[in-house]
Amino acid sequence: MSLQEDFRKKNKPVNIKALFDFVMGLIYAVVGAVLAISKFIGLEITFPPPDIVTVFGIGAFLYGAFRIFRGFKTYKNPS
């Protein structure tokens, strides 16, 4: 392998869509996890009922996991 080929492999461009999916997925997953366990950690959210907050938190966490998976898939197979 020549030096030029090695340089090209190390400096491949960053896929912005994959990076955005990773970051937003992480945000959704963290917020969803905090909302899902809010009643166990003593966080009191007054407007929606606590059951709705838990269901929304689980949904947000699952959506965040999906975004992270999609970002990983996009990063591996850019199209």
N, C-alpha and C. Protein backbone atom coordinates (compact mmCIF):
# COMPACT_ATOMS: atom_id res chain seq x y z
N MET A 1 0.85 -1.16 0.00
CA MET A 1 0.00 0.00 0.00
C MET A 1 0.89 1.23 0.00
N SER A 2 0.55 2.15 -0.87
CA SER A 2 1.37 3.35 -0.96
C SER A 2 0.95 4.36 0.11
N LEU A 3 1.77 5.34 0.27
CA LEU A 3 1.53 6.37 1.27
C LEU A 3 0.27 7.17 0.93
N GLN A 4 0.04 7.40 -0.36
CA GLN A 4 -1.13 8.17 -0.77
C GLN A 4 -2.43 7.41 -0.48
N GLU A 5 -2.44 6.10 -0.71
CA GLU A 5 -3.63 5.31 -0.41
C GLU A 5 -3.91 5.28 1.09
N ASP A 6 -2.86 5.20 1.88
CA ASP A 6 -3.01 5.21 3.33
C ASP A 6 -3.58 6.54 3.79
N PHE A 7 -3.13 7.64 3.20
CA PHE A 7 -3.63 8.97 3.55
C PHE A 7 -5.11 9.10 3.21
N ARG A 8 -5.54 8.58 2.08
CA ARG A 8 -6.95 8.66 1.68
C ARG A 8 -7.85 7.87 2.63
N LYS A 9 -7.38 6.73 3.10
CA LYS A 9 -8.19 5.93 4.02
C LYS A 9 -8.36 6.62 5.36
N LYS A 10 -7.33 7.28 5.84
CA LYS A 10 -7.41 7.94 7.14
C LYS A 10 -8.25 9.21 7.09
N ASN A 11 -8.31 9.88 5.98
CA ASN A 11 -9.00 11.16 5.86
C ASN A 11 -10.28 11.06 5.04
N LYS A 12 -11.09 10.07 5.31
CA LYS A 12 -12.35 9.98 4.58
C LYS A 12 -13.31 11.03 5.13
N PRO A 13 -14.19 11.55 4.30
CA PRO A 13 -15.07 12.63 4.75
C PRO A 13 -16.07 12.16 5.80
N VAL A 14 -16.47 13.08 6.65
CA VAL A 14 -17.43 12.78 7.71
C VAL A 14 -18.84 12.83 7.11
N ASN A 15 -19.63 11.81 7.39
CA ASN A 15 -21.00 11.77 6.92
C ASN A 15 -21.87 12.55 7.91
N ILE A 16 -22.33 13.73 7.49
CA ILE A 16 -23.06 14.63 8.37
C ILE A 16 -24.39 14.02 8.80
N LYS A 17 -25.08 13.34 7.89
CA LYS A 17 -26.36 12.72 8.23
C LYS A 17 -26.19 11.66 9.32
N ALA A 18 -25.16 10.86 9.21
CA ALA A 18 -24.91 9.83 10.23
C ALA A 18 -24.57 10.48 11.57
N LEU A 19 -23.76 11.50 11.55
CA LEU A 19 -23.39 12.20 12.78
C LEU A 19 -24.61 12.84 13.43
N PHE A 20 -25.47 13.46 12.63
CA PHE A 20 -26.69 14.07 13.15
C PHE A 20 -27.61 13.01 13.76
N ASP A 21 -27.72 11.85 13.11
CA ASP A 21 -28.53 10.77 13.66
C ASP A 21 -27.97 10.27 14.99
N PHE A 22 -26.67 10.15 15.10
CA PHE A 22 -26.05 9.73 16.37
C PHE A 22 -26.37 10.73 17.49
N VAL A 23 -26.16 12.00 17.22
CA VAL A 23 -26.34 13.03 18.25
C VAL A 23 -27.81 13.14 18.65
N MET A 24 -28.71 13.22 17.67
CA MET A 24 -30.13 13.34 18.00
C MET A 24 -30.65 12.07 18.66
N GLY A 25 -30.16 10.92 18.24
CA GLY A 25 -30.55 9.67 18.87
C GLY A 25 -30.12 9.62 20.32
N LEU A 26 -28.93 10.10 20.59
CA LEU A 26 -28.45 10.15 21.97
C LEU A 26 -29.30 11.09 22.82
N ILE A 27 -29.66 12.24 22.26
CA ILE A 27 -30.50 13.19 23.00
C ILE A 27 -31.87 12.57 23.29
N TYR A 28 -32.51 11.99 22.27
CA TYR A 28 -33.81 11.36 22.47
C TYR A 28 -33.74 10.23 23.49
N ALA A 29 -32.70 9.43 23.41
CA ALA A 29 -32.58 8.29 24.32
C ALA A 29 -32.38 8.75 25.76
N VAL A 30 -31.57 9.76 25.98
CA VAL A 30 -31.34 10.25 27.34
C VAL A 30 -32.60 10.90 27.91
N VAL A 31 -33.25 11.75 27.13
CA VAL A 31 -34.48 12.40 27.61
C VAL A 31 -35.56 11.34 27.85
N GLY A 32 -35.69 10.38 26.94
CA GLY A 32 -36.67 9.32 27.12
C GLY A 32 -36.41 8.49 28.36
N ALA A 33 -35.15 8.17 28.60
CA ALA A 33 -34.81 7.38 29.79
C ALA A 33 -35.12 8.15 31.07
N VAL A 34 -34.81 9.45 31.09
CA VAL A 34 -35.10 10.26 32.27
C VAL A 34 -36.61 10.34 32.49
N LEU A 35 -37.38 10.54 31.43
CA LEU A 35 -38.83 10.60 31.59
C LEU A 35 -39.40 9.25 32.01
N ALA A 36 -38.86 8.16 31.48
CA ALA A 36 -39.38 6.83 31.81
C ALA A 36 -39.15 6.49 33.28
N ILE A 37 -38.04 6.93 33.83
CA ILE A 37 -37.75 6.59 35.24
C ILE A 37 -37.98 7.77 36.16
N SER A 38 -38.71 8.79 35.68
CA SER A 38 -38.89 10.02 36.46
C SER A 38 -39.58 9.77 37.81
N LYS A 39 -40.55 8.89 37.85
CA LYS A 39 -41.24 8.68 39.12
C LYS A 39 -40.37 7.93 40.12
N PHE A 40 -39.38 7.19 39.64
CA PHE A 40 -38.49 6.45 40.54
C PHE A 40 -37.36 7.32 41.09
N ILE A 41 -37.00 8.37 40.36
CA ILE A 41 -35.92 9.24 40.81
C ILE A 41 -36.44 10.50 41.50
N GLY A 42 -37.76 10.61 41.63
CA GLY A 42 -38.34 11.73 42.36
C GLY A 42 -38.59 12.97 41.54
N LEU A 43 -38.53 12.89 40.23
CA LEU A 43 -38.81 14.02 39.35
C LEU A 43 -40.32 14.13 39.19
N GLU A 44 -40.89 15.25 39.63
CA GLU A 44 -42.34 15.42 39.57
C GLU A 44 -42.71 16.29 38.38
N ILE A 45 -43.43 15.71 37.43
CA ILE A 45 -43.95 16.43 36.28
C ILE A 45 -45.45 16.52 36.49
N THR A 46 -45.98 17.75 36.57
CA THR A 46 -47.35 17.92 37.03
C THR A 46 -48.40 17.88 35.93
N PHE A 47 -48.11 18.33 34.74
CA PHE A 47 -49.18 18.46 33.75
C PHE A 47 -49.75 17.14 33.25
N PRO A 48 -49.01 16.32 32.50
CA PRO A 48 -49.66 15.06 32.10
C PRO A 48 -49.59 14.06 33.26
N PRO A 49 -50.49 13.12 33.28
CA PRO A 49 -50.43 12.09 34.33
C PRO A 49 -49.11 11.30 34.26
N PRO A 50 -48.66 10.79 35.40
CA PRO A 50 -47.37 10.08 35.43
C PRO A 50 -47.31 8.88 34.48
N ASP A 51 -48.43 8.22 34.26
CA ASP A 51 -48.42 7.08 33.33
C ASP A 51 -48.14 7.53 31.90
N ILE A 52 -48.69 8.67 31.52
CA ILE A 52 -48.46 9.21 30.18
C ILE A 52 -46.99 9.60 30.02
N VAL A 53 -46.42 10.19 31.06
CA VAL A 53 -44.99 10.58 31.03
C VAL A 53 -44.12 9.34 30.84
N THR A 54 -44.45 8.26 31.52
CA THR A 54 -43.67 7.02 31.41
C THR A 54 -43.78 6.44 30.00
N VAL A 55 -44.99 6.41 29.46
CA VAL A 55 -45.19 5.87 28.10
C VAL A 55 -44.47 6.73 27.07
N PHE A 56 -44.56 8.05 27.22
CA PHE A 56 -43.85 8.94 26.30
C PHE A 56 -42.34 8.77 26.42
N GLY A 57 -41.85 8.58 27.63
CA GLY A 57 -40.42 8.37 27.83
C GLY A 57 -39.92 7.10 27.18
N ILE A 58 -40.71 6.03 27.29
CA ILE A 58 -40.33 4.77 26.64
C ILE A 58 -40.33 4.94 25.13
N GLY A 59 -41.35 5.63 24.61
CA GLY A 59 -41.39 5.88 23.17
C GLY A 59 -40.22 6.71 22.68
N ALA A 60 -39.88 7.76 23.43
CA ALA A 60 -38.74 8.61 23.06
C ALA A 60 -37.43 7.83 23.12
N PHE A 61 -37.30 6.96 24.12
CA PHE A 61 -36.09 6.14 24.22
C PHE A 61 -35.97 5.19 23.03
N LEU A 62 -37.08 4.55 22.66
CA LEU A 62 -37.05 3.63 21.51
C LEU A 62 -36.75 4.37 20.21
N TYR A 63 -37.32 5.57 20.07
CA TYR A 63 -37.04 6.37 18.88
C TYR A 63 -35.56 6.78 18.84
N GLY A 64 -35.00 7.12 19.99
CA GLY A 64 -33.58 7.45 20.06
C GLY A 64 -32.70 6.26 19.68
N ALA A 65 -33.09 5.07 20.14
CA ALA A 65 -32.33 3.87 19.77
C ALA A 65 -32.41 3.63 18.27
N PHE A 66 -33.58 3.88 17.68
CA PHE A 66 -33.73 3.75 16.23
C PHE A 66 -32.85 4.75 15.50
N ARG A 67 -32.79 6.00 15.98
CA ARG A 67 -31.96 7.00 15.32
C ARG A 67 -30.48 6.64 15.40
N ILE A 68 -30.06 6.09 16.53
CA ILE A 68 -28.66 5.67 16.66
C ILE A 68 -28.37 4.52 15.71
N PHE A 69 -29.29 3.56 15.62
CA PHE A 69 -29.13 2.44 14.69
C PHE A 69 -29.07 2.93 13.25
N ARG A 70 -29.96 3.86 12.88
CA ARG A 70 -29.97 4.39 11.52
C ARG A 70 -28.69 5.16 11.22
N GLY A 71 -28.17 5.89 12.21
CA GLY A 71 -26.91 6.60 12.02
C GLY A 71 -25.75 5.64 11.81
N PHE A 72 -25.74 4.56 12.58
CA PHE A 72 -24.70 3.55 12.41
C PHE A 72 -24.78 2.90 11.04
N LYS A 73 -26.00 2.59 10.61
CA LYS A 73 -26.20 1.96 9.30
C LYS A 73 -25.80 2.92 8.17
N THR A 74 -26.13 4.20 8.30
CA THR A 74 -25.75 5.19 7.30
C THR A 74 -24.24 5.38 7.26
N TYR A 75 -23.61 5.35 8.41
CA TYR A 75 -22.16 5.52 8.49
C TYR A 75 -21.44 4.36 7.80
N LYS A 76 -21.95 3.15 7.99
CA LYS A 76 -21.30 1.98 7.39
C LYS A 76 -21.54 1.88 5.89
N ASN A 77 -22.74 2.24 5.43
CA ASN A 77 -23.09 2.12 4.00
C ASN A 77 -23.59 3.47 3.48
N PRO A 78 -22.71 4.43 3.23
CA PRO A 78 -23.19 5.72 2.72
C PRO A 78 -23.69 5.57 1.28
N SER A 79 -24.82 6.22 1.03
CA SER A 79 -25.35 6.14 -0.34
C SER A 79 -25.70 7.50 -0.87
